[in-house]
PDB file of N, CA and C in Angstrom:
ATOM      1  N   MET A   1       0.840  -1.184   0.000  1.00  0.00           N
ATOM      2  CA  MET A   1       0.000   0.000   0.000  1.00  0.00           C
ATOM      3  C   MET A   1       0.882   1.244   0.000  1.00  0.00           C
ATOM      4  N   THR A   2       0.614   2.185  -0.910  1.00  0.00           N
ATOM      5  CA  THR A   2       1.407   3.404  -0.981  1.00  0.00           C
ATOM      6  C   THR A   2       0.740   4.507  -0.194  1.00  0.00           C
ATOM      7  N   LYS A   3       1.551   5.340   0.404  1.00  0.00           N
ATOM      8  CA  LYS A   3       1.047   6.473   1.172  1.00  0.00           C
ATOM      9  C   LYS A   3       0.698   7.598   0.203  1.00  0.00           C
ATOM     10  N   LEU A   4      -0.514   8.130   0.309  1.00  0.00           N
ATOM     11  CA  LEU A   4      -0.929   9.230  -0.548  1.00  0.00           C
ATOM     12  C   LEU A   4      -0.316  10.537  -0.068  1.00  0.00           C
ATOM     13  N   THR A   5       0.151  11.334  -0.997  1.00  0.00           N
ATOM     14  CA  THR A   5       0.681  12.647  -0.672  1.00  0.00           C
ATOM     15  C   THR A   5      -0.488  13.600  -0.477  1.00  0.00           C
ATOM     16  N   GLU A   6      -0.416  14.365   0.601  1.00  0.00           N
ATOM     17  CA  GLU A   6      -1.485  15.328   0.859  1.00  0.00           C
ATOM     18  C   GLU A   6      -1.449  16.426  -0.203  1.00  0.00           C
ATOM     19  N   LYS A   7      -2.588  16.717  -0.775  1.00  0.00           N
ATOM     20  CA  LYS A   7      -2.695  17.702  -1.854  1.00  0.00           C
ATOM     21  C   LYS A   7      -2.454  19.102  -1.294  1.00  0.00           C
ATOM     22  N   VAL A   8      -1.663  19.881  -2.012  1.00  0.00           N
ATOM     23  CA  VAL A   8      -1.409  21.274  -1.665  1.00  0.00           C
ATOM     24  C   VAL A   8      -1.780  22.114  -2.874  1.00  0.00           C
ATOM     25  N   TYR A   9      -2.544  23.159  -2.635  1.00  0.00           N
ATOM     26  CA  TYR A   9      -2.993  24.054  -3.698  1.00  0.00           C
ATOM     27  C   TYR A   9      -2.189  25.337  -3.633  1.00  0.00           C
ATOM     28  N   LYS A  10      -1.892  25.866  -4.802  1.00  0.00           N
ATOM     29  CA  LYS A  10      -1.008  27.025  -4.897  1.00  0.00           C
ATOM     30  C   LYS A  10      -1.668  28.175  -5.638  1.00  0.00           C
ATOM     31  N   VAL A  11      -1.443  29.384  -5.140  1.00  0.00           N
ATOM     32  CA  VAL A  11      -1.795  30.601  -5.853  1.00  0.00           C
ATOM     33  C   VAL A  11      -0.466  31.149  -6.352  1.00  0.00           C
ATOM     34  N   TYR A  12      -0.416  31.470  -7.634  1.00  0.00           N
ATOM     35  CA  TYR A  12       0.845  31.883  -8.234  1.00  0.00           C
ATOM     36  C   TYR A  12       0.632  33.118  -9.101  1.00  0.00           C
ATOM     37  N   ILE A  13       1.741  33.762  -9.404  1.00  0.00           N
ATOM     38  CA  ILE A  13       1.742  34.871 -10.361  1.00  0.00           C
ATOM     39  C   ILE A  13       2.730  34.519 -11.453  1.00  0.00           C
ATOM     40  N   THR A  14       2.251  34.511 -12.696  1.00  0.00           N
ATOM     41  CA  THR A  14       3.124  34.325 -13.849  1.00  0.00           C
ATOM     42  C   THR A  14       3.499  35.721 -14.334  1.00  0.00           C
ATOM     43  N   TYR A  15       4.783  36.002 -14.357  1.00  0.00           N
ATOM     44  CA  TYR A  15       5.278  37.301 -14.821  1.00  0.00           C
ATOM     45  C   TYR A  15       5.752  37.170 -16.265  1.00  0.00           C
ATOM     46  N   TYR A  16       5.421  38.146 -17.071  1.00  0.00           N
ATOM     47  CA  TYR A  16       5.849  38.175 -18.469  1.00  0.00           C
ATOM     48  C   TYR A  16       6.973  39.186 -18.635  1.00  0.00           C
ATOM     49  N   THR A  17       7.750  39.036 -19.695  1.00  0.00           N
ATOM     50  CA  THR A  17       8.926  39.888 -19.912  1.00  0.00           C
ATOM     51  C   THR A  17       8.553  41.354 -20.147  1.00  0.00           C
ATOM     52  N   ASP A  18       7.298  41.632 -20.531  1.00  0.00           N
ATOM     53  CA  ASP A  18       6.896  43.024 -20.743  1.00  0.00           C
ATOM     54  C   ASP A  18       6.412  43.691 -19.461  1.00  0.00           C
ATOM     55  N   GLY A  19       6.455  42.985 -18.315  1.00  0.00           N
ATOM     56  CA  GLY A  19       6.041  43.549 -17.031  1.00  0.00           C
ATOM     57  C   GLY A  19       4.621  43.183 -16.628  1.00  0.00           C
ATOM     58  N   SER A  20       3.841  42.633 -17.526  1.00  0.00           N
ATOM     59  CA  SER A  20       2.480  42.227 -17.172  1.00  0.00           C
ATOM     60  C   SER A  20       2.524  40.909 -16.407  1.00  0.00           C
ATOM     61  N   TYR A  21       1.404  40.548 -15.781  1.00  0.00           N
ATOM     62  CA  TYR A  21       1.369  39.324 -15.003  1.00  0.00           C
ATOM     63  C   TYR A  21      -0.041  38.738 -14.967  1.00  0.00           C
ATOM     64  N   TYR A  22      -0.104  37.444 -14.627  1.00  0.00           N
ATOM     65  CA  TYR A  22      -1.354  36.691 -14.523  1.00  0.00           C
ATOM     66  C   TYR A  22      -1.398  36.031 -13.154  1.00  0.00           C
ATOM     67  N   ILE A  23      -2.515  36.164 -12.440  1.00  0.00           N
ATOM     68  CA  ILE A  23      -2.697  35.550 -11.130  1.00  0.00           C
ATOM     69  C   ILE A  23      -3.518  34.285 -11.312  1.00  0.00           C
ATOM     70  N   GLY A  24      -3.009  33.159 -10.816  1.00  0.00           N
ATOM     71  CA  GLY A  24      -3.704  31.901 -11.012  1.00  0.00           C
ATOM     72  C   GLY A  24      -3.664  30.988  -9.804  1.00  0.00           C
ATOM     73  N   PHE A  25      -4.296  29.840  -9.966  1.00  0.00           N
ATOM     74  CA  PHE A  25      -4.444  28.836  -8.925  1.00  0.00           C
ATOM     75  C   PHE A  25      -4.220  27.463  -9.555  1.00  0.00           C
ATOM     76  N   THR A  26      -3.560  26.569  -8.833  1.00  0.00           N
ATOM     77  CA  THR A  26      -3.364  25.214  -9.348  1.00  0.00           C
ATOM     78  C   THR A  26      -3.133  24.228  -8.206  1.00  0.00           C
ATOM     79  N   GLY A  27      -3.405  22.978  -8.487  1.00  0.00           N
ATOM     80  CA  GLY A  27      -3.086  21.893  -7.569  1.00  0.00           C
ATOM     81  C   GLY A  27      -1.942  21.050  -8.102  1.00  0.00           C
ATOM     82  N   LYS A  28      -1.341  21.487  -9.210  1.00  0.00           N
ATOM     83  CA  LYS A  28      -0.246  20.731  -9.839  1.00  0.00           C
ATOM     84  C   LYS A  28       1.009  20.780  -8.966  1.00  0.00           C
ATOM     85  N   TYR A  29       1.895  19.819  -9.160  1.00  0.00           N
ATOM     86  CA  TYR A  29       3.165  19.779  -8.433  1.00  0.00           C
ATOM     87  C   TYR A  29       4.233  19.160  -9.320  1.00  0.00           C
ATOM     88  N   GLY A  30       5.466  19.266  -8.905  1.00  0.00           N
ATOM     89  CA  GLY A  30       6.585  18.664  -9.633  1.00  0.00           C
ATOM     90  C   GLY A  30       6.762  19.233 -11.028  1.00  0.00           C
ATOM     91  N   ALA A  31       7.051  18.349 -11.993  1.00  0.00           N
ATOM     92  CA  ALA A  31       7.304  18.771 -13.375  1.00  0.00           C
ATOM     93  C   ALA A  31       6.070  19.433 -13.984  1.00  0.00           C
ATOM     94  N   ALA A  32       4.881  18.934 -13.629  1.00  0.00           N
ATOM     95  CA  ALA A  32       3.651  19.533 -14.166  1.00  0.00           C
ATOM     96  C   ALA A  32       3.504  20.978 -13.706  1.00  0.00           C
ATOM     97  N   LEU A  33       3.856  21.258 -12.441  1.00  0.00           N
ATOM     98  CA  LEU A  33       3.800  22.628 -11.924  1.00  0.00           C
ATOM     99  C   LEU A  33       4.838  23.513 -12.605  1.00  0.00           C
ATOM    100  N   ALA A  34       6.025  22.989 -12.790  1.00  0.00           N
ATOM    101  CA  ALA A  34       7.107  23.774 -13.392  1.00  0.00           C
ATOM    102  C   ALA A  34       6.764  24.231 -14.809  1.00  0.00           C
ATOM    103  N   SER A  35       6.017  23.407 -15.532  1.00  0.00           N
ATOM    104  CA  SER A  35       5.698  23.758 -16.918  1.00  0.00           C
ATOM    105  C   SER A  35       4.314  24.385 -17.081  1.00  0.00           C
ATOM    106  N   TYR A  36       3.605  24.592 -15.972  1.00  0.00           N
ATOM    107  CA  TYR A  36       2.242  25.132 -16.032  1.00  0.00           C
ATOM    108  C   TYR A  36       2.256  26.616 -15.722  1.00  0.00           C
ATOM    109  N   PHE A  37       1.701  27.403 -16.613  1.00  0.00           N
ATOM    110  CA  PHE A  37       1.666  28.851 -16.398  1.00  0.00           C
ATOM    111  C   PHE A  37       0.248  29.390 -16.433  1.00  0.00           C
ATOM    112  N   GLY A  38      -0.727  28.540 -16.222  1.00  0.00           N
ATOM    113  CA  GLY A  38      -2.109  28.985 -16.092  1.00  0.00           C
ATOM    114  C   GLY A  38      -2.947  28.696 -17.304  1.00  0.00           C
ATOM    115  N   SER A  39      -4.234  28.813 -17.086  1.00  0.00           N
ATOM    116  CA  SER A  39      -5.184  28.569 -18.158  1.00  0.00           C
ATOM    117  C   SER A  39      -5.517  29.862 -18.900  1.00  0.00           C
ATOM    118  N   ASN A  40      -4.722  30.887 -18.683  1.00  0.00           N
ATOM    119  CA  ASN A  40      -4.990  32.158 -19.359  1.00  0.00           C
ATOM    120  C   ASN A  40      -4.761  32.007 -20.861  1.00  0.00           C
ATOM    121  N   THR A  41      -5.281  32.931 -21.598  1.00  0.00           N
ATOM    122  CA  THR A  41      -5.222  32.836 -23.060  1.00  0.00           C
ATOM    123  C   THR A  41      -4.068  33.635 -23.659  1.00  0.00           C
ATOM    124  N   ILE A  42      -3.164  34.092 -22.838  1.00  0.00           N
ATOM    125  CA  ILE A  42      -2.015  34.847 -23.322  1.00  0.00           C
ATOM    126  C   ILE A  42      -1.093  33.890 -24.079  1.00  0.00           C
ATOM    127  N   ARG A  43      -0.910  34.143 -25.334  1.00  0.00           N
ATOM    128  CA  ARG A  43      -0.042  33.272 -26.136  1.00  0.00           C
ATOM    129  C   ARG A  43       1.103  34.053 -26.793  1.00  0.00           C
ATOM    130  N   ASP A  44       0.964  35.369 -26.876  1.00  0.00           N
ATOM    131  CA  ASP A  44       1.959  36.162 -27.593  1.00  0.00           C
ATOM    132  C   ASP A  44       2.977  36.827 -26.663  1.00  0.00           C
ATOM    133  N   LYS A  45       2.963  36.498 -25.383  1.00  0.00           N
ATOM    134  CA  LYS A  45       3.907  37.095 -24.430  1.00  0.00           C
ATOM    135  C   LYS A  45       4.930  36.049 -23.999  1.00  0.00           C
ATOM    136  N   LEU A  46       6.137  36.499 -23.745  1.00  0.00           N
ATOM    137  CA  LEU A  46       7.183  35.612 -23.253  1.00  0.00           C
ATOM    138  C   LEU A  46       7.149  35.587 -21.727  1.00  0.00           C
ATOM    139  N   VAL A  47       7.174  34.399 -21.144  1.00  0.00           N
ATOM    140  CA  VAL A  47       7.150  34.245 -19.693  1.00  0.00           C
ATOM    141  C   VAL A  47       8.525  34.563 -19.130  1.00  0.00           C
ATOM    142  N   SER A  48       8.546  35.386 -18.088  1.00  0.00           N
ATOM    143  CA  SER A  48       9.773  35.689 -17.367  1.00  0.00           C
ATOM    144  C   SER A  48       9.973  34.637 -16.276  1.00  0.00           C
ATOM    145  N   HIS A  49       8.999  34.529 -15.375  1.00  0.00           N
ATOM    146  CA  HIS A  49       9.072  33.540 -14.297  1.00  0.00           C
ATOM    147  C   HIS A  49       7.716  33.407 -13.615  1.00  0.00           C
ATOM    148  N   LYS A  50       7.626  32.418 -12.736  1.00  0.00           N
ATOM    149  CA  LYS A  50       6.411  32.174 -11.968  1.00  0.00           C
ATOM    150  C   LYS A  50       6.788  32.189 -10.492  1.00  0.00           C
ATOM    151  N   GLU A  51       5.931  32.825  -9.683  1.00  0.00           N
ATOM    152  CA  GLU A  51       6.153  32.886  -8.244  1.00  0.00           C
ATOM    153  C   GLU A  51       4.944  32.301  -7.524  1.00  0.00           C
ATOM    154  N   ILE A  52       5.179  31.341  -6.628  1.00  0.00           N
ATOM    155  CA  ILE A  52       4.122  30.809  -5.778  1.00  0.00           C
ATOM    156  C   ILE A  52       3.991  31.773  -4.600  1.00  0.00           C
ATOM    157  N   VAL A  53       2.811  32.392  -4.437  1.00  0.00           N
ATOM    158  CA  VAL A  53       2.639  33.408  -3.397  1.00  0.00           C
ATOM    159  C   VAL A  53       1.792  32.932  -2.220  1.00  0.00           C
ATOM    160  N   TRP A  54       1.109  31.775  -2.372  1.00  0.00           N
ATOM    161  CA  TRP A  54       0.262  31.271  -1.284  1.00  0.00           C
ATOM    162  C   TRP A  54       0.070  29.775  -1.490  1.00  0.00           C
ATOM    163  N   THR A  55       0.126  29.026  -0.415  1.00  0.00           N
ATOM    164  CA  THR A  55      -0.187  27.602  -0.493  1.00  0.00           C
ATOM    165  C   THR A  55      -1.198  27.269   0.600  1.00  0.00           C
ATOM    166  N   SER A  56      -2.031  26.271   0.323  1.00  0.00           N
ATOM    167  CA  SER A  56      -3.051  25.861   1.279  1.00  0.00           C
ATOM    168  C   SER A  56      -3.415  24.402   1.033  1.00  0.00           C
ATOM    169  N   LYS A  57      -3.777  23.708   2.086  1.00  0.00           N
ATOM    170  CA  LYS A  57      -4.273  22.341   1.955  1.00  0.00           C
ATOM    171  C   LYS A  57      -5.749  22.349   1.559  1.00  0.00           C
ATOM    172  N   SER A  58      -6.361  23.517   1.629  1.00  0.00           N
ATOM    173  CA  SER A  58      -7.771  23.664   1.269  1.00  0.00           C
ATOM    174  C   SER A  58      -7.890  24.295  -0.115  1.00  0.00           C
ATOM    175  N   LYS A  59      -8.533  23.579  -1.021  1.00  0.00           N
ATOM    176  CA  LYS A  59      -8.741  24.099  -2.375  1.00  0.00           C
ATOM    177  C   LYS A  59      -9.567  25.382  -2.343  1.00  0.00           C
ATOM    178  N   ALA A  60     -10.607  25.387  -1.532  1.00  0.00           N
ATOM    179  CA  ALA A  60     -11.484  26.555  -1.456  1.00  0.00           C
ATOM    180  C   ALA A  60     -10.748  27.780  -0.914  1.00  0.00           C
ATOM    181  N   THR A  61      -9.904  27.577   0.095  1.00  0.00           N
ATOM    182  CA  THR A  61      -9.149  28.694   0.661  1.00  0.00           C
ATOM    183  C   THR A  61      -8.167  29.251  -0.369  1.00  0.00           C
ATOM    184  N   ALA A  62      -7.515  28.381  -1.108  1.00  0.00           N
ATOM    185  CA  ALA A  62      -6.585  28.838  -2.146  1.00  0.00           C
ATOM    186  C   ALA A  62      -7.326  29.608  -3.231  1.00  0.00           C
ATOM    187  N   LYS A  63      -8.492  29.124  -3.634  1.00  0.00           N
ATOM    188  CA  LYS A  63      -9.282  29.837  -4.645  1.00  0.00           C
ATOM    189  C   LYS A  63      -9.722  31.199  -4.133  1.00  0.00           C
ATOM    190  N   LEU A  64     -10.090  31.261  -2.868  1.00  0.00           N
ATOM    191  CA  LEU A  64     -10.506  32.535  -2.297  1.00  0.00           C
ATOM    192  C   LEU A  64      -9.346  33.514  -2.240  1.00  0.00           C
ATOM    193  N   PHE A  65      -8.168  33.024  -1.861  1.00  0.00           N
ATOM    194  CA  PHE A  65      -7.006  33.917  -1.835  1.00  0.00           C
ATOM    195  C   PHE A  65      -6.669  34.400  -3.244  1.00  0.00           C
ATOM    196  N   GLU A  66      -6.810  33.516  -4.236  1.00  0.00           N
ATOM    197  CA  GLU A  66      -6.603  33.926  -5.631  1.00  0.00           C
ATOM    198  C   GLU A  66      -7.538  35.085  -5.967  1.00  0.00           C
ATOM    199  N   LEU A  67      -8.809  34.958  -5.596  1.00  0.00           N
ATOM    200  CA  LEU A  67      -9.783  36.015  -5.856  1.00  0.00           C
ATOM    201  C   LEU A  67      -9.407  37.316  -5.157  1.00  0.00           C
ATOM    202  N   LEU A  68      -9.021  37.239  -3.886  1.00  0.00           N
ATOM    203  CA  LEU A  68      -8.645  38.447  -3.143  1.00  0.00           C
ATOM    204  C   LEU A  68      -7.444  39.140  -3.781  1.00  0.00           C
ATOM    205  N   LEU A  69      -6.483  38.342  -4.206  1.00  0.00           N
ATOM    206  CA  LEU A  69      -5.303  38.909  -4.856  1.00  0.00           C
ATOM    207  C   LEU A  69      -5.692  39.568  -6.180  1.00  0.00           C
ATOM    208  N   GLN A  70      -6.564  38.896  -6.943  1.00  0.00           N
ATOM    209  CA  GLN A  70      -7.041  39.484  -8.197  1.00  0.00           C
ATOM    210  C   GLN A  70      -7.803  40.780  -7.930  1.00  0.00           C
ATOM    211  N   LEU A  71      -8.670  40.784  -6.933  1.00  0.00           N
ATOM    212  CA  LEU A  71      -9.438  41.989  -6.603  1.00  0.00           C
ATOM    213  C   LEU A  71      -8.538  43.130  -6.147  1.00  0.00           C
ATOM    214  N   SER A  72      -7.486  42.793  -5.420  1.00  0.00           N
ATOM    215  CA  SER A  72      -6.577  43.836  -4.931  1.00  0.00           C
ATOM    216  C   SER A  72      -5.812  44.505  -6.065  1.00  0.00           C
ATOM    217  N   ARG A  73      -5.789  43.863  -7.229  1.00  0.00           N
ATOM    218  CA  ARG A  73      -5.058  44.408  -8.380  1.00  0.00           C
ATOM    219  C   ARG A  73      -5.976  44.644  -9.575  1.00  0.00           C
ATOM    220  N   LEU A  74      -7.253  44.743  -9.299  1.00  0.00           N
ATOM    221  CA  LEU A  74      -8.255  44.873 -10.348  1.00  0.00           C
ATOM    222  C   LEU A  74      -8.025  46.092 -11.242  1.00  0.00           C
ATOM    223  N   ASP A  75      -7.543  47.170 -10.666  1.00  0.00           N
ATOM    224  CA  ASP A  75      -7.350  48.393 -11.446  1.00  0.00           C
ATOM    225  C   ASP A  75      -5.961  48.501 -12.079  1.00  0.00           C
ATOM    226  N   SER A  76      -5.149  47.469 -11.955  1.00  0.00           N
ATOM    227  CA  SER A  76      -3.812  47.485 -12.542  1.00  0.00           C
ATOM    228  C   SER A  76      -3.870  47.114 -14.022  1.00  0.00           C
ATOM    229  N   SER A  77      -3.297  47.958 -14.855  1.00  0.00           N
ATOM    230  CA  SER A  77      -3.255  47.647 -16.285  1.00  0.00           C
ATOM    231  C   SER A  77      -2.237  46.537 -16.579  1.00  0.00           C
ATOM    232  N   TRP A  78      -1.391  46.189 -15.625  1.00  0.00           N
ATOM    233  CA  TRP A  78      -0.396  45.131 -15.805  1.00  0.00           C
ATOM    234  C   TRP A  78      -0.977  43.741 -15.572  1.00  0.00           C
ATOM    235  N   CYS A  79      -2.090  43.662 -14.833  1.00  0.00           N
ATOM    236  CA  CYS A  79      -2.723  42.370 -14.547  1.00  0.00           C
ATOM    237  C   CYS A  79      -3.580  41.972 -15.745  1.00  0.00           C
ATOM    238  N   VAL A  80      -3.272  40.814 -16.341  1.00  0.00           N
ATOM    239  CA  VAL A  80      -3.953  40.401 -17.569  1.00  0.00           C
ATOM    240  C   VAL A  80      -5.146  39.469 -17.315  1.00  0.00           C
ATOM    241  N   ASN A  81      -5.490  39.203 -16.053  1.00  0.00           N
ATOM    242  CA  ASN A  81      -6.651  38.357 -15.758  1.00  0.00           C
ATOM    243  C   ASN A  81      -7.916  38.986 -16.322  1.00  0.00           C
ATOM    244  N   SER A  82      -8.715  38.167 -16.996  1.00  0.00           N
ATOM    245  CA  SER A  82      -9.995  38.666 -17.478  1.00  0.00           C
ATOM    246  C   SER A  82     -11.157  37.941 -16.795  1.00  0.00           C
ATOM    247  N   MET A  83     -10.875  36.847 -16.106  1.00  0.00           N
ATOM    248  CA  MET A  83     -11.895  36.080 -15.385  1.00  0.00           C
ATOM    249  C   MET A  83     -11.506  35.996 -13.906  1.00  0.00           C
ATOM    250  N   LEU A  84     -12.492  36.128 -13.043  1.00  0.00           N
ATOM    251  CA  LEU A  84     -12.266  36.015 -11.606  1.00  0.00           C
ATOM    252  C   LEU A  84     -13.037  34.815 -11.074  1.00  0.00           C
ATOM    253  N   ASN A  85     -12.445  34.100 -10.131  1.00  0.00           N
ATOM    254  CA  ASN A  85     -13.096  32.950  -9.511  1.00  0.00           C
ATOM    255  C   ASN A  85     -13.843  33.429  -8.271  1.00  0.00           C
ATOM    256  N   VAL A  86     -15.167  33.286  -8.235  1.00  0.00           N
ATOM    257  CA  VAL A  86     -15.932  33.835  -7.119  1.00  0.00           C
ATOM    258  C   VAL A  86     -16.818  32.831  -6.388  1.00  0.00           C
ATOM    259  N   ARG A  87     -16.815  31.580  -6.754  1.00  0.00           N
ATOM    260  CA  ARG A  87     -17.713  30.599  -6.133  1.00  0.00           C
ATOM    261  C   ARG A  87     -16.988  29.860  -5.008  1.00  0.00           C
ATOM    262  N   VAL A  88     -17.067  30.427  -3.793  1.00  0.00           N
ATOM    263  CA  VAL A  88     -16.379  29.872  -2.637  1.00  0.00           C
ATOM    264  C   VAL A  88     -17.279  30.017  -1.407  1.00  0.00           C
ATOM    265  N   ARG A  89     -17.302  29.003  -0.553  1.00  0.00           N
ATOM    266  CA  ARG A  89     -18.086  29.074   0.678  1.00  0.00           C
ATOM    267  C   ARG A  89     -17.439  30.025   1.685  1.00  0.00           C
ATOM    268  N   LYS A  90     -18.276  30.773   2.368  1.00  0.00           N
ATOM    269  CA  LYS A  90     -17.816  31.766   3.335  1.00  0.00           C
ATOM    270  C   LYS A  90     -16.973  31.149   4.458  1.00  0.00           C
ATOM    271  N   GLU A  91     -17.307  29.939   4.877  1.00  0.00           N
ATOM    272  CA  GLU A  91     -16.581  29.305   5.990  1.00  0.00           C
ATOM    273  C   GLU A  91     -15.100  29.114   5.693  1.00  0.00           C
ATOM    274  N   HIS A  92     -14.753  29.038   4.420  1.00  0.00           N
ATOM    275  CA  HIS A  92     -13.364  28.778   4.069  1.00  0.00           C
ATOM    276  C   HIS A  92     -12.459  29.998   4.263  1.00  0.00           C
ATOM    277  N   MET A  93     -13.031  31.112   4.632  1.00  0.00           N
ATOM    278  CA  MET A  93     -12.240  32.317   4.861  1.00  0.00           C
ATOM    279  C   MET A  93     -11.490  32.282   6.188  1.00  0.00           C
ATOM    280  N   LYS A  94     -11.855  31.364   7.084  1.00  0.00           N
ATOM    281  CA  LYS A  94     -11.278  31.375   8.420  1.00  0.00           C
ATOM    282  C   LYS A  94      -9.764  31.162   8.441  1.00  0.00           C
ATOM    283  N   ASP A  95      -9.206  30.495   7.442  1.00  0.00           N
ATOM    284  CA  ASP A  95      -7.765  30.231   7.429  1.00  0.00           C
ATOM    285  C   ASP A  95      -6.956  31.273   6.660  1.00  0.00           C
ATOM    286  N   LEU A  96      -7.633  32.257   6.103  1.00  0.00           N
ATOM    287  CA  LEU A  96      -6.928  33.304   5.360  1.00  0.00           C
ATOM    288  C   LEU A  96      -6.342  34.334   6.311  1.00  0.00           C
ATOM    289  N   PRO A  97      -5.292  35.035   5.885  1.00  0.00           N
ATOM    290  CA  PRO A  97      -4.795  36.133   6.712  1.00  0.00           C
ATOM    291  C   PRO A  97      -5.890  37.184   6.828  1.00  0.00           C
ATOM    292  N   LYS A  98      -5.940  37.852   7.956  1.00  0.00           N
ATOM    293  CA  LYS A  98      -6.955  38.885   8.171  1.00  0.00           C
ATOM    294  C   LYS A  98      -6.736  40.029   7.187  1.00  0.00           C
ATOM    295  N   PHE A  99      -7.832  40.551   6.674  1.00  0.00           N
ATOM    296  CA  PHE A  99      -7.749  41.631   5.698  1.00  0.00           C
ATOM    297  C   PHE A  99      -8.949  42.537   5.848  1.00  0.00           C
ATOM    298  N   LYS A 100      -8.864  43.702   5.254  1.00  0.00           N
ATOM    299  CA  LYS A 100      -9.976  44.642   5.250  1.00  0.00           C
ATOM    300  C   LYS A 100     -10.026  45.267   3.870  1.00  0.00           C
ATOM    301  N   LEU A 101     -11.196  45.192   3.246  1.00  0.00           N
ATOM    302  CA  LEU A 101     -11.395  45.817   1.942  1.00  0.00           C
ATOM    303  C   LEU A 101     -12.099  47.141   2.157  1.00  0.00           C
ATOM    304  N   THR A 102     -11.612  48.183   1.523  1.00  0.00           N
ATOM    305  CA  THR A 102     -12.221  49.498   1.628  1.00  0.00           C
ATOM    306  C   THR A 102     -12.455  50.030   0.233  1.00  0.00           C
ATOM    307  N   PHE A 103     -13.701  50.403  -0.046  1.00  0.00           N
ATOM    308  CA  PHE A 103     -14.038  50.976  -1.340  1.00  0.00           C
ATOM    309  C   PHE A 103     -13.741  52.463  -1.337  1.00  0.00           C
ATOM    310  N   GLU A 104     -13.320  52.990  -2.484  1.00  0.00           N
ATOM    311  CA  GLU A 104     -13.077  54.424  -2.597  1.00  0.00           C
ATOM    312  C   GLU A 104     -14.365  55.205  -2.366  1.00  0.00           C
ATOM    313  N   ASP A 105     -15.479  54.694  -2.873  1.00  0.00           N
ATOM    314  CA  ASP A 105     -16.779  55.320  -2.645  1.00  0.00           C
ATOM    315  C   ASP A 105     -17.309  54.774  -1.321  1.00  0.00           C
ATOM    316  N   ASN A 106     -17.332  55.591  -0.292  1.00  0.00           N
ATOM    317  CA  ASN A 106     -17.651  55.163   1.060  1.00  0.00           C
ATOM    318  C   ASN A 106     -19.053  54.568   1.206  1.00  0.00           C
ATOM    319  N   LYS A 107     -19.960  54.842   0.279  1.00  0.00           N
ATOM    320  CA  LYS A 107     -21.323  54.309   0.423  1.00  0.00           C
ATOM    321  C   LYS A 107     -21.358  52.771   0.358  1.00  0.00           C
ATOM    322  N   PHE A 108     -20.288  52.140  -0.152  1.00  0.00           N
ATOM    323  CA  PHE A 108     -20.219  50.691  -0.208  1.00  0.00           C
ATOM    324  C   PHE A 108     -19.534  50.074   1.005  1.00  0.00           C
ATOM    325  N   ASN A 109     -18.954  50.913   1.857  1.00  0.00           N
ATOM    326  CA  ASN A 109     -18.257  50.413   3.042  1.00  0.00           C
ATOM    327  C   ASN A 109     -19.236  50.248   4.194  1.00  0.00           C
ATOM    328  N   LYS A 110     -19.064  49.160   4.942  1.00  0.00           N
ATOM    329  CA  LYS A 110     -19.914  48.903   6.101  1.00  0.00           C
ATOM    330  C   LYS A 110     -19.372  49.727   7.251  1.00  0.00           C
ATOM    331  N   ASN A 111     -20.211  50.560   7.810  1.00  0.00           N
ATOM    332  CA  ASN A 111     -19.800  51.409   8.941  1.00  0.00           C
ATOM    333  C   ASN A 111     -20.257  50.778  10.241  1.00  0.00           C
ATOM    334  N   GLU A 112     -19.344  50.060  10.891  1.00  0.00           N
ATOM    335  CA  GLU A 112     -19.673  49.415  12.159  1.00  0.00           C
ATOM    336  C   GLU A 112     -19.210  50.291  13.308  1.00  0.00           C
ATOM    337  N   LYS A 113     -19.946  50.198  14.396  1.00  0.00           N
ATOM    338  CA  LYS A 113     -19.590  51.002  15.585  1.00  0.00           C
ATOM    339  C   LYS A 113     -19.049  50.114  16.662  1.00  0.00           C
TER     340      LYS A 113
END
């Protein structure tokens, strides 16, 4: 009987030589991870490198962190993501680092006392 390796999910950024980048998520490892640069449709850019910025044993938590990272860079012209992953259960947020989102237009911010 072989011991199963515990799955680890990764959030990564693929950097291109022109300075643009793609934020993605994968469960790949080893050689498959090394050669995987995302499901994005960028085909005419040269890849500079890939950086793993977050790992989690929870697929949902990794997907949520991918979304938060994408949202934090939504207004960047360097980020080439055109699709965001948003289908995640709220309970999976408990393992993420604490964060606070603030909208520029204050009417969207929750004012707690």
